[in-house]
N, C-alpha and C. Protein backbone atom coordinates (compact mmCIF):
# COMPACT_ATOMS: atom_id res chain seq x y z
N MET A 1 -7.60 17.50 10.93
CA MET A 1 -7.91 16.18 11.38
C MET A 1 -6.73 15.46 11.91
N ILE A 2 -7.11 14.54 13.04
CA ILE A 2 -6.04 13.69 13.49
C ILE A 2 -6.43 12.25 13.14
N ILE A 3 -5.21 11.50 12.57
CA ILE A 3 -5.39 10.27 12.26
C ILE A 3 -4.53 9.51 13.52
N ASP A 4 -5.51 9.02 14.49
CA ASP A 4 -4.88 8.44 15.84
C ASP A 4 -4.95 6.98 15.43
N LEU A 5 -3.58 6.37 15.23
CA LEU A 5 -3.14 5.12 14.95
C LEU A 5 -3.73 4.14 16.00
N GLN A 6 -4.10 4.57 17.24
CA GLN A 6 -4.29 3.80 18.56
C GLN A 6 -5.81 3.08 18.19
N LYS A 7 -6.55 3.96 17.38
CA LYS A 7 -7.88 3.32 17.06
C LYS A 7 -7.69 1.95 16.48
N LEU A 8 -6.71 1.60 15.71
CA LEU A 8 -6.49 0.40 15.07
C LEU A 8 -6.46 -0.66 15.96
N GLU A 9 -6.35 -0.43 17.27
CA GLU A 9 -6.06 -1.68 18.37
C GLU A 9 -7.48 -2.00 18.57
N GLU A 10 -8.59 -1.20 18.29
CA GLU A 10 -9.88 -1.67 18.73
C GLU A 10 -10.45 -2.44 17.53
N GLY A 11 -9.94 -2.38 16.36
CA GLY A 11 -10.36 -3.08 15.21
C GLY A 11 -11.22 -2.16 14.52
N ILE A 12 -11.09 -1.98 13.21
CA ILE A 12 -11.82 -1.01 12.44
C ILE A 12 -12.44 -1.95 11.02
N LEU A 13 -13.41 -1.16 10.77
CA LEU A 13 -13.96 -1.57 9.34
C LEU A 13 -14.37 -3.12 9.19
N GLN A 14 -14.92 -3.63 10.43
CA GLN A 14 -15.03 -5.20 10.77
C GLN A 14 -13.85 -5.90 10.57
N LEU A 15 -12.80 -5.42 10.56
CA LEU A 15 -11.36 -6.34 10.67
C LEU A 15 -11.12 -6.56 12.03
N SER A 16 -10.16 -7.77 12.23
CA SER A 16 -9.97 -8.22 13.45
C SER A 16 -9.12 -7.36 14.16
N LYS A 17 -9.25 -7.24 15.45
CA LYS A 17 -8.32 -6.57 16.25
C LYS A 17 -6.75 -6.82 16.22
N GLY A 18 -6.43 -8.20 16.04
CA GLY A 18 -5.14 -8.52 15.99
C GLY A 18 -4.39 -8.04 14.61
N TYR A 19 -5.40 -8.10 13.38
CA TYR A 19 -4.71 -7.72 12.23
C TYR A 19 -4.50 -6.05 12.10
N THR A 20 -5.62 -5.28 12.81
CA THR A 20 -5.55 -3.91 12.78
C THR A 20 -4.28 -3.51 13.69
N SER A 21 -4.15 -4.25 14.59
CA SER A 21 -3.10 -3.85 15.65
C SER A 21 -1.75 -4.09 14.89
N PHE A 22 -1.53 -5.18 14.08
CA PHE A 22 -0.32 -5.40 13.43
C PHE A 22 -0.17 -4.30 12.55
N LEU A 23 -1.05 -3.82 11.53
CA LEU A 23 -0.87 -2.69 10.86
C LEU A 23 -0.49 -1.35 11.55
N MET A 24 -1.18 -1.12 12.79
CA MET A 24 -0.72 0.09 13.66
C MET A 24 0.87 -0.15 13.61
N GLU A 25 1.17 -1.05 14.30
CA GLU A 25 2.61 -1.24 14.72
C GLU A 25 3.39 -1.20 13.34
N ALA A 26 3.18 -1.77 12.34
CA ALA A 26 4.11 -1.59 11.07
C ALA A 26 4.11 -0.05 10.79
N CYS A 27 2.91 0.59 10.88
CA CYS A 27 2.81 2.06 10.38
C CYS A 27 3.78 2.77 11.49
N ALA A 28 3.78 2.72 12.64
CA ALA A 28 4.48 3.35 13.64
C ALA A 28 5.93 2.97 13.20
N VAL A 29 6.52 1.70 13.07
CA VAL A 29 7.91 1.53 12.96
C VAL A 29 8.32 2.02 11.70
N CYS A 30 7.54 2.33 10.62
CA CYS A 30 7.89 2.75 9.29
C CYS A 30 8.00 4.35 9.50
N LEU A 31 7.25 5.18 10.30
CA LEU A 31 7.38 6.54 10.69
C LEU A 31 8.60 6.66 11.38
N ASP A 32 8.76 5.79 12.51
CA ASP A 32 9.74 6.12 13.28
C ASP A 32 11.23 5.65 12.42
N HIS A 33 11.23 4.77 11.46
CA HIS A 33 12.51 4.55 10.58
C HIS A 33 12.86 5.87 10.00
N GLN A 34 11.92 6.56 9.77
CA GLN A 34 12.01 8.12 8.81
C GLN A 34 12.24 9.07 9.83
N ASN A 35 12.44 8.73 11.24
CA ASN A 35 12.66 9.92 12.27
C ASN A 35 11.46 10.72 12.42
N HIS A 36 10.13 10.09 12.32
CA HIS A 36 8.98 10.92 12.53
C HIS A 36 8.36 10.43 13.95
N LYS A 37 7.75 11.30 14.89
CA LYS A 37 7.21 10.70 16.17
C LYS A 37 5.84 10.97 16.17
N SER A 38 5.15 10.61 17.13
CA SER A 38 3.80 10.88 17.16
C SER A 38 3.57 12.43 17.02
N GLY A 39 2.57 12.80 16.36
CA GLY A 39 2.38 14.24 16.20
C GLY A 39 2.64 14.84 14.86
N ALA A 40 3.59 13.74 14.00
CA ALA A 40 3.94 14.42 12.82
C ALA A 40 2.97 14.78 11.82
N SER A 41 3.02 15.57 11.12
CA SER A 41 2.20 16.06 10.06
C SER A 41 2.18 15.16 8.73
N ILE A 42 0.91 14.90 8.20
CA ILE A 42 1.02 14.20 6.86
C ILE A 42 0.22 14.92 5.92
N LEU A 43 0.65 15.04 4.62
CA LEU A 43 -0.21 15.72 3.65
C LEU A 43 -0.96 14.72 3.10
N VAL A 44 -2.32 14.80 3.02
CA VAL A 44 -3.18 13.76 2.24
C VAL A 44 -3.71 14.64 1.25
N ASP A 45 -3.12 14.17 -0.02
CA ASP A 45 -3.17 14.65 -1.44
C ASP A 45 -4.34 14.04 -2.04
N GLY A 46 -4.88 14.33 -2.95
CA GLY A 46 -5.82 13.56 -3.76
C GLY A 46 -7.17 14.64 -4.31
N ASN A 47 -8.23 13.81 -4.18
CA ASN A 47 -9.51 14.73 -4.56
C ASN A 47 -9.92 15.77 -3.78
N ASP A 48 -9.51 15.50 -2.43
CA ASP A 48 -9.89 16.59 -1.43
C ASP A 48 -8.66 16.74 -0.46
N PRO A 49 -7.79 17.46 -0.94
CA PRO A 49 -6.27 17.57 -0.16
C PRO A 49 -6.50 18.20 1.17
N PHE A 50 -5.83 17.62 2.15
CA PHE A 50 -5.76 18.31 3.65
C PHE A 50 -4.58 17.68 4.40
N GLU A 51 -4.36 18.43 5.44
CA GLU A 51 -3.21 17.99 6.30
C GLU A 51 -3.82 17.31 7.52
N ALA A 52 -2.95 16.36 8.09
CA ALA A 52 -3.43 15.76 9.08
C ALA A 52 -2.34 15.51 10.13
N GLU A 53 -2.86 15.11 11.38
CA GLU A 53 -1.70 14.71 12.42
C GLU A 53 -1.75 13.42 12.78
N LEU A 54 -0.45 12.82 12.75
CA LEU A 54 -0.45 11.29 13.00
C LEU A 54 -0.08 11.06 14.38
N LYS A 55 -0.99 10.34 15.11
CA LYS A 55 -0.56 10.00 16.50
C LYS A 55 -0.76 8.72 16.80
N TRP A 56 0.09 8.35 17.98
CA TRP A 56 0.10 6.89 18.64
C TRP A 56 0.67 7.10 19.93
N ALA A 57 0.34 6.28 20.66
CA ALA A 57 0.77 6.31 22.19
C ALA A 57 1.70 5.31 22.65
N PHE A 58 2.67 4.79 21.92
CA PHE A 58 3.43 3.87 22.52
C PHE A 58 4.68 4.17 21.92
N GLU A 59 5.93 3.54 22.29
CA GLU A 59 7.36 3.89 21.94
C GLU A 59 7.57 2.86 20.91
N VAL A 60 8.26 3.13 19.85
CA VAL A 60 8.89 2.30 18.78
C VAL A 60 10.09 1.78 19.47
N ASP A 61 10.21 0.57 20.30
CA ASP A 61 11.19 0.17 21.11
C ASP A 61 11.85 -0.85 20.10
N ASP A 62 13.16 -1.38 20.57
CA ASP A 62 13.87 -2.71 20.05
C ASP A 62 12.84 -3.70 19.85
N GLU A 63 11.83 -4.15 20.71
CA GLU A 63 11.20 -5.36 20.25
C GLU A 63 10.41 -5.20 19.09
N LEU A 64 9.68 -3.89 18.90
CA LEU A 64 8.95 -3.66 17.57
C LEU A 64 9.75 -3.54 16.35
N LYS A 65 10.91 -2.85 16.54
CA LYS A 65 11.88 -2.90 15.44
C LYS A 65 12.47 -4.21 15.07
N ASN A 66 12.73 -5.30 16.02
CA ASN A 66 13.01 -6.67 15.74
C ASN A 66 11.88 -7.28 14.90
N SER A 67 10.71 -6.88 15.31
CA SER A 67 9.58 -7.73 14.79
C SER A 67 9.14 -7.15 13.22
N TYR A 68 9.57 -6.04 12.87
CA TYR A 68 9.10 -5.46 11.63
C TYR A 68 10.59 -5.05 11.10
N GLY A 69 11.72 -6.04 11.06
CA GLY A 69 12.81 -5.86 10.29
C GLY A 69 12.74 -5.63 8.74
N ASP A 70 11.86 -6.38 8.17
CA ASP A 70 11.86 -6.31 6.65
C ASP A 70 10.97 -5.03 6.31
N MET A 71 11.80 -4.09 5.98
CA MET A 71 11.23 -2.66 5.84
C MET A 71 10.20 -2.52 4.84
N GLN A 72 10.53 -3.44 3.72
CA GLN A 72 9.66 -3.65 2.41
C GLN A 72 8.30 -4.07 2.74
N GLU A 73 8.09 -5.04 3.48
CA GLU A 73 6.97 -5.61 4.12
C GLU A 73 6.24 -4.73 4.94
N SER A 74 7.17 -4.20 6.05
CA SER A 74 6.38 -3.33 6.92
C SER A 74 5.95 -1.91 6.38
N THR A 75 6.51 -1.56 5.11
CA THR A 75 6.12 -0.38 4.48
C THR A 75 4.66 -0.83 3.75
N GLU A 76 4.46 -1.78 3.27
CA GLU A 76 3.24 -2.21 2.76
C GLU A 76 2.11 -2.43 3.82
N TYR A 77 2.32 -2.82 5.00
CA TYR A 77 1.47 -3.01 5.99
C TYR A 77 1.13 -1.65 6.70
N GLY A 78 2.23 -0.81 6.73
CA GLY A 78 2.04 0.48 7.27
C GLY A 78 1.11 1.32 6.25
N ALA A 79 1.44 1.45 5.11
CA ALA A 79 0.62 2.02 4.23
C ALA A 79 -0.76 1.64 4.35
N THR A 80 -1.07 0.15 4.46
CA THR A 80 -2.27 -0.29 4.61
C THR A 80 -3.26 0.31 5.86
N ALA A 81 -2.23 0.61 6.83
CA ALA A 81 -2.87 1.09 8.12
C ALA A 81 -3.42 2.55 7.69
N ILE A 82 -2.67 3.33 7.06
CA ILE A 82 -3.21 4.87 6.79
C ILE A 82 -4.60 4.65 5.88
N ALA A 83 -4.32 3.72 4.76
CA ALA A 83 -5.46 3.89 3.91
C ALA A 83 -6.71 3.31 4.43
N LEU A 84 -6.73 2.45 5.36
CA LEU A 84 -7.90 1.90 6.08
C LEU A 84 -8.42 3.06 6.96
N MET A 85 -7.55 3.64 7.66
CA MET A 85 -7.94 4.76 8.40
C MET A 85 -8.70 5.89 7.77
N LEU A 86 -8.10 6.17 6.65
CA LEU A 86 -8.72 7.19 5.87
C LEU A 86 -10.00 6.73 5.17
N ALA A 87 -10.23 5.38 4.73
CA ALA A 87 -11.45 4.95 4.13
C ALA A 87 -12.47 5.08 5.32
N GLU A 88 -12.11 4.78 6.50
CA GLU A 88 -13.22 4.87 7.71
C GLU A 88 -13.63 6.29 7.71
N GLU A 89 -12.54 6.97 8.38
CA GLU A 89 -12.50 8.31 8.99
C GLU A 89 -13.03 9.48 8.01
N LYS A 90 -12.34 9.32 6.85
CA LYS A 90 -12.76 10.54 5.92
C LYS A 90 -13.70 10.13 4.82
N HIS A 91 -13.86 8.77 4.38
CA HIS A 91 -14.77 8.52 3.53
C HIS A 91 -16.04 7.71 3.89
N GLY A 92 -16.06 7.52 5.22
CA GLY A 92 -17.37 6.78 5.74
C GLY A 92 -17.45 5.36 5.52
N PHE A 93 -16.34 4.63 5.27
CA PHE A 93 -16.61 3.16 5.02
C PHE A 93 -16.77 2.46 6.32
N SER A 94 -17.80 1.44 6.48
CA SER A 94 -17.97 0.64 7.63
C SER A 94 -17.32 -0.77 7.58
N SER A 95 -16.96 -1.16 6.44
CA SER A 95 -16.46 -2.65 6.30
C SER A 95 -15.51 -2.57 5.39
N ALA A 96 -14.54 -3.60 5.46
CA ALA A 96 -13.58 -4.01 4.41
C ALA A 96 -13.38 -5.37 4.35
N GLU A 97 -13.02 -5.83 3.20
CA GLU A 97 -12.83 -7.17 3.27
C GLU A 97 -11.57 -7.27 2.29
N ARG A 98 -10.49 -8.19 2.85
CA ARG A 98 -9.35 -8.27 2.16
C ARG A 98 -9.68 -9.30 1.01
N MET A 99 -9.07 -9.03 -0.11
CA MET A 99 -9.25 -9.79 -1.60
C MET A 99 -7.92 -10.56 -1.69
N SER A 100 -8.20 -11.59 -2.41
CA SER A 100 -7.00 -12.44 -2.74
C SER A 100 -6.28 -11.69 -3.98
N LYS A 101 -5.04 -12.27 -4.10
CA LYS A 101 -4.12 -11.78 -5.34
C LYS A 101 -4.90 -12.12 -6.75
N GLY A 102 -4.54 -11.20 -7.56
CA GLY A 102 -4.90 -11.46 -9.05
C GLY A 102 -6.12 -10.70 -9.34
N LEU A 103 -6.93 -10.20 -8.44
CA LEU A 103 -8.15 -9.22 -8.57
C LEU A 103 -8.06 -8.16 -9.14
N GLY A 104 -7.02 -7.42 -8.99
CA GLY A 104 -6.69 -6.15 -9.23
C GLY A 104 -6.71 -5.07 -8.04
N PHE A 105 -7.13 -5.62 -7.01
CA PHE A 105 -7.21 -4.50 -5.66
C PHE A 105 -6.98 -5.35 -4.63
N ASP A 106 -6.82 -4.55 -3.48
CA ASP A 106 -6.63 -5.16 -2.05
C ASP A 106 -7.73 -5.29 -1.19
N TYR A 107 -8.74 -4.47 -1.21
CA TYR A 107 -9.65 -4.50 -0.42
C TYR A 107 -11.21 -3.92 -0.89
N PHE A 108 -12.28 -4.76 -0.66
CA PHE A 108 -13.53 -4.12 -1.03
C PHE A 108 -14.20 -3.44 0.26
N LEU A 109 -14.56 -2.36 -0.16
CA LEU A 109 -15.07 -1.42 0.98
C LEU A 109 -16.38 -1.14 0.86
N LYS A 110 -17.40 -1.28 1.94
CA LYS A 110 -18.81 -0.96 1.97
C LYS A 110 -19.00 0.05 2.98
N LYS A 111 -20.23 0.66 2.60
CA LYS A 111 -20.78 1.62 3.78
C LYS A 111 -22.04 0.82 4.25
N ASP A 112 -22.43 1.26 5.38
CA ASP A 112 -23.87 0.74 6.06
C ASP A 112 -24.77 0.92 4.88
N GLY A 113 -25.58 -0.10 4.70
CA GLY A 113 -26.87 -0.06 3.97
C GLY A 113 -26.47 0.03 2.02
N ASP A 114 -25.10 -0.22 2.01
CA ASP A 114 -24.75 -0.61 0.48
C ASP A 114 -25.09 -1.93 -0.03
N GLY A 115 -25.97 -2.08 -0.96
CA GLY A 115 -26.19 -3.19 -1.73
C GLY A 115 -26.90 -4.34 -1.06
N ASP A 116 -26.95 -5.55 -1.60
CA ASP A 116 -27.19 -6.63 -1.32
C ASP A 116 -26.20 -7.40 -0.29
N GLU A 117 -26.71 -7.82 0.65
CA GLU A 117 -25.60 -8.49 1.59
C GLU A 117 -25.31 -9.92 1.27
N THR A 118 -26.00 -10.59 0.26
CA THR A 118 -25.68 -11.65 -0.14
C THR A 118 -24.70 -11.66 -1.47
N ASN A 119 -24.69 -10.54 -2.10
CA ASN A 119 -23.60 -10.39 -3.02
C ASN A 119 -22.59 -9.35 -2.64
N ILE A 120 -21.49 -9.58 -2.07
CA ILE A 120 -20.45 -8.46 -1.79
C ILE A 120 -20.18 -7.56 -2.72
N PHE A 121 -20.30 -7.88 -4.01
CA PHE A 121 -19.85 -6.91 -5.17
C PHE A 121 -21.07 -6.21 -5.47
N ASP A 122 -22.23 -6.15 -4.92
CA ASP A 122 -23.37 -5.53 -5.16
C ASP A 122 -23.24 -4.00 -5.38
N ALA A 123 -22.60 -3.56 -4.35
CA ALA A 123 -22.36 -2.18 -3.93
C ALA A 123 -21.13 -1.81 -3.33
N GLY A 124 -20.47 -0.73 -3.43
CA GLY A 124 -19.12 -0.64 -2.62
C GLY A 124 -17.95 -0.11 -3.66
N VAL A 125 -16.85 -0.12 -3.01
CA VAL A 125 -15.71 0.24 -3.85
C VAL A 125 -14.47 -0.51 -3.68
N ARG A 126 -13.52 -0.43 -4.73
CA ARG A 126 -12.28 -1.15 -4.67
C ARG A 126 -11.26 -0.37 -4.31
N LEU A 127 -10.44 -0.75 -3.37
CA LEU A 127 -9.19 -0.09 -2.71
C LEU A 127 -7.87 -0.85 -3.01
N GLU A 128 -7.11 -0.07 -3.83
CA GLU A 128 -6.02 -0.47 -4.11
C GLU A 128 -4.82 0.25 -3.25
N ILE A 129 -3.82 -0.31 -2.62
CA ILE A 129 -2.94 0.38 -1.66
C ILE A 129 -1.62 -0.05 -1.96
N SER A 130 -0.71 1.17 -1.78
CA SER A 130 0.74 0.92 -1.78
C SER A 130 1.49 1.68 -0.98
N GLY A 131 2.91 1.40 -0.80
CA GLY A 131 3.63 2.18 0.16
C GLY A 131 4.92 2.32 -0.28
N ILE A 132 5.83 3.64 0.09
CA ILE A 132 6.96 3.74 -0.25
C ILE A 132 7.56 4.43 0.96
N LEU A 133 8.66 3.67 1.35
CA LEU A 133 9.43 3.98 2.61
C LEU A 133 10.02 5.29 2.45
N GLU A 134 10.55 5.63 1.37
CA GLU A 134 11.16 6.88 1.09
C GLU A 134 11.27 7.17 -0.41
N GLU A 135 10.61 8.14 -0.99
CA GLU A 135 10.33 8.53 -2.49
C GLU A 135 11.83 8.81 -2.91
N THR A 136 12.11 8.26 -4.32
CA THR A 136 13.41 8.48 -5.07
C THR A 136 12.95 9.05 -6.24
N ASP A 137 13.76 9.35 -7.19
CA ASP A 137 13.67 9.74 -8.36
C ASP A 137 12.82 8.77 -9.20
N ASN A 138 13.21 7.54 -9.35
CA ASN A 138 12.71 6.43 -9.78
C ASN A 138 11.20 5.85 -9.24
N ASN A 139 11.08 6.12 -7.96
CA ASN A 139 10.15 5.70 -7.22
C ASN A 139 9.17 6.70 -6.61
N THR A 140 8.19 7.35 -7.24
CA THR A 140 7.53 8.42 -6.74
C THR A 140 6.13 7.89 -6.42
N VAL A 141 5.52 8.94 -5.60
CA VAL A 141 4.09 8.59 -5.33
C VAL A 141 3.22 8.75 -6.65
N GLU A 142 3.52 9.75 -7.51
CA GLU A 142 2.77 9.76 -8.85
C GLU A 142 2.95 8.69 -9.77
N ARG A 143 4.38 8.32 -9.70
CA ARG A 143 4.16 7.01 -10.55
C ARG A 143 3.52 5.74 -9.89
N ARG A 144 3.62 5.63 -8.66
CA ARG A 144 2.95 4.55 -7.90
C ARG A 144 1.47 4.58 -8.07
N VAL A 145 0.84 5.74 -7.94
CA VAL A 145 -0.44 5.95 -8.05
C VAL A 145 -0.79 5.64 -9.53
N LYS A 146 -0.24 6.09 -10.65
CA LYS A 146 -0.55 5.54 -11.89
C LYS A 146 -0.42 4.07 -12.13
N SER A 147 0.43 3.54 -11.56
CA SER A 147 0.74 1.94 -11.76
C SER A 147 -0.50 1.29 -11.03
N LYS A 148 -1.07 1.71 -10.06
CA LYS A 148 -2.23 1.20 -9.10
C LYS A 148 -3.36 1.63 -9.82
N ILE A 149 -3.44 2.65 -10.51
CA ILE A 149 -4.81 2.77 -11.49
C ILE A 149 -4.68 1.93 -12.60
N ASP A 150 -3.60 1.76 -13.09
CA ASP A 150 -3.46 0.81 -14.37
C ASP A 150 -3.91 -0.73 -13.77
N GLN A 151 -3.52 -0.96 -12.52
CA GLN A 151 -3.82 -2.33 -12.03
C GLN A 151 -5.36 -2.46 -11.89
N LEU A 152 -5.96 -1.56 -11.27
CA LEU A 152 -7.36 -1.48 -11.28
C LEU A 152 -8.22 -2.12 -12.33
N ILE A 153 -7.69 -1.79 -13.60
CA ILE A 153 -8.16 -2.12 -14.80
C ILE A 153 -8.64 -3.45 -14.84
N ILE A 154 -8.03 -4.35 -14.23
CA ILE A 154 -8.15 -5.74 -14.28
C ILE A 154 -9.64 -5.97 -13.76
N SER A 155 -9.92 -5.31 -12.88
CA SER A 155 -11.42 -5.39 -12.37
C SER A 155 -12.40 -4.50 -12.72
N ASP A 156 -12.10 -3.83 -13.82
CA ASP A 156 -13.14 -2.67 -14.40
C ASP A 156 -14.38 -3.12 -14.78
N ASP A 157 -14.37 -4.58 -14.89
CA ASP A 157 -15.75 -4.89 -15.51
C ASP A 157 -16.82 -5.07 -14.29
N SER A 158 -16.26 -5.08 -13.19
CA SER A 158 -17.23 -5.03 -11.92
C SER A 158 -18.05 -3.70 -11.89
N ASN A 159 -17.53 -2.97 -12.46
CA ASN A 159 -18.25 -1.58 -12.59
C ASN A 159 -18.39 -0.72 -11.36
N LEU A 160 -17.39 -1.24 -10.49
CA LEU A 160 -17.18 -0.36 -9.06
C LEU A 160 -16.46 0.69 -9.03
N GLU A 161 -16.47 1.86 -8.47
CA GLU A 161 -15.67 2.81 -8.04
C GLU A 161 -14.36 2.25 -7.74
N GLY A 162 -13.23 2.83 -8.03
CA GLY A 162 -12.00 2.36 -7.70
C GLY A 162 -11.42 3.47 -6.83
N HIS A 163 -10.67 3.21 -5.72
CA HIS A 163 -9.86 4.06 -4.78
C HIS A 163 -8.49 3.62 -5.09
N VAL A 164 -7.60 4.54 -5.00
CA VAL A 164 -5.96 4.41 -4.77
C VAL A 164 -5.40 5.11 -3.74
N CYS A 165 -4.70 4.53 -2.73
CA CYS A 165 -4.12 4.97 -1.87
C CYS A 165 -2.59 4.79 -1.81
N VAL A 166 -1.93 5.63 -1.70
CA VAL A 166 -0.29 5.36 -1.75
C VAL A 166 0.26 6.25 -0.63
N THR A 167 1.05 5.66 0.03
CA THR A 167 1.71 6.38 1.24
C THR A 167 3.13 6.55 1.22
N GLU A 168 3.93 7.61 1.33
CA GLU A 168 5.15 7.80 1.48
C GLU A 168 5.66 8.26 2.77
N PHE A 169 6.54 7.41 3.42
CA PHE A 169 6.78 7.55 4.78
C PHE A 169 7.89 8.50 5.05
N GLY A 170 8.95 8.99 4.15
CA GLY A 170 9.80 9.80 4.24
C GLY A 170 9.39 11.30 4.54
N ARG A 171 8.22 11.77 3.90
CA ARG A 171 8.05 13.17 4.39
C ARG A 171 7.07 13.41 5.45
N PRO A 172 6.12 12.76 5.73
CA PRO A 172 5.36 11.67 4.98
C PRO A 172 4.18 12.44 4.38
N ARG A 173 3.71 11.68 3.36
CA ARG A 173 2.52 12.14 2.57
C ARG A 173 1.63 10.92 1.85
N THR A 174 0.47 11.29 1.79
CA THR A 174 -0.31 10.28 1.09
C THR A 174 -1.29 10.74 0.07
N LYS A 175 -1.42 10.08 -0.84
CA LYS A 175 -2.14 10.40 -2.03
C LYS A 175 -3.40 9.16 -2.08
N TYR A 176 -4.60 9.86 -2.03
CA TYR A 176 -5.75 9.11 -1.85
C TYR A 176 -6.60 9.80 -2.80
N ILE A 177 -7.03 8.90 -3.88
CA ILE A 177 -7.80 9.34 -5.08
C ILE A 177 -9.07 8.30 -5.41
N GLU A 178 -10.08 8.87 -5.74
CA GLU A 178 -11.34 8.04 -6.20
C GLU A 178 -11.56 7.92 -7.70
N GLN A 179 -11.51 6.98 -8.24
CA GLN A 179 -11.60 6.87 -9.75
C GLN A 179 -13.22 6.39 -9.98
N GLN A 180 -13.66 7.08 -10.77
CA GLN A 180 -15.10 6.65 -11.19
C GLN A 180 -15.18 5.66 -12.19
């Protein structure tokens, strides 16, 4: 599978092109910061593990680096780029809605034909996302996944499936899991 970050420039999941382009740039900056170039391999672990190729067609120049200097923030947005690309390309979702803080998840995802259009929570899944610039002994993908699964409990009364996606840019690797 190829994860072509350039697709984010077109807008995906019914999100604005400006927003998804921003996510694309943040992702490329994180990968470049960890010395990865276009064509880097990423392990996608989870319910259905596979290896993918990350591609983008622009240089991470000083202008981009100056724009994304807060690497903690850039890591969050870069991880969001990967998660949303996987939600669309691997899991077949057609729309995403950013949720407000405190609900226990970041995005509400739907596929075409899911549920009642007047009630966004009629059908779909909850997606919680996190990113790690470089894994350490105290900050691992597995610990972060567990933390995000625990966070989904806040919204378990919705009876909607929960997805968690944690991306680590050092190797790079992503863990995308589906919780029933």
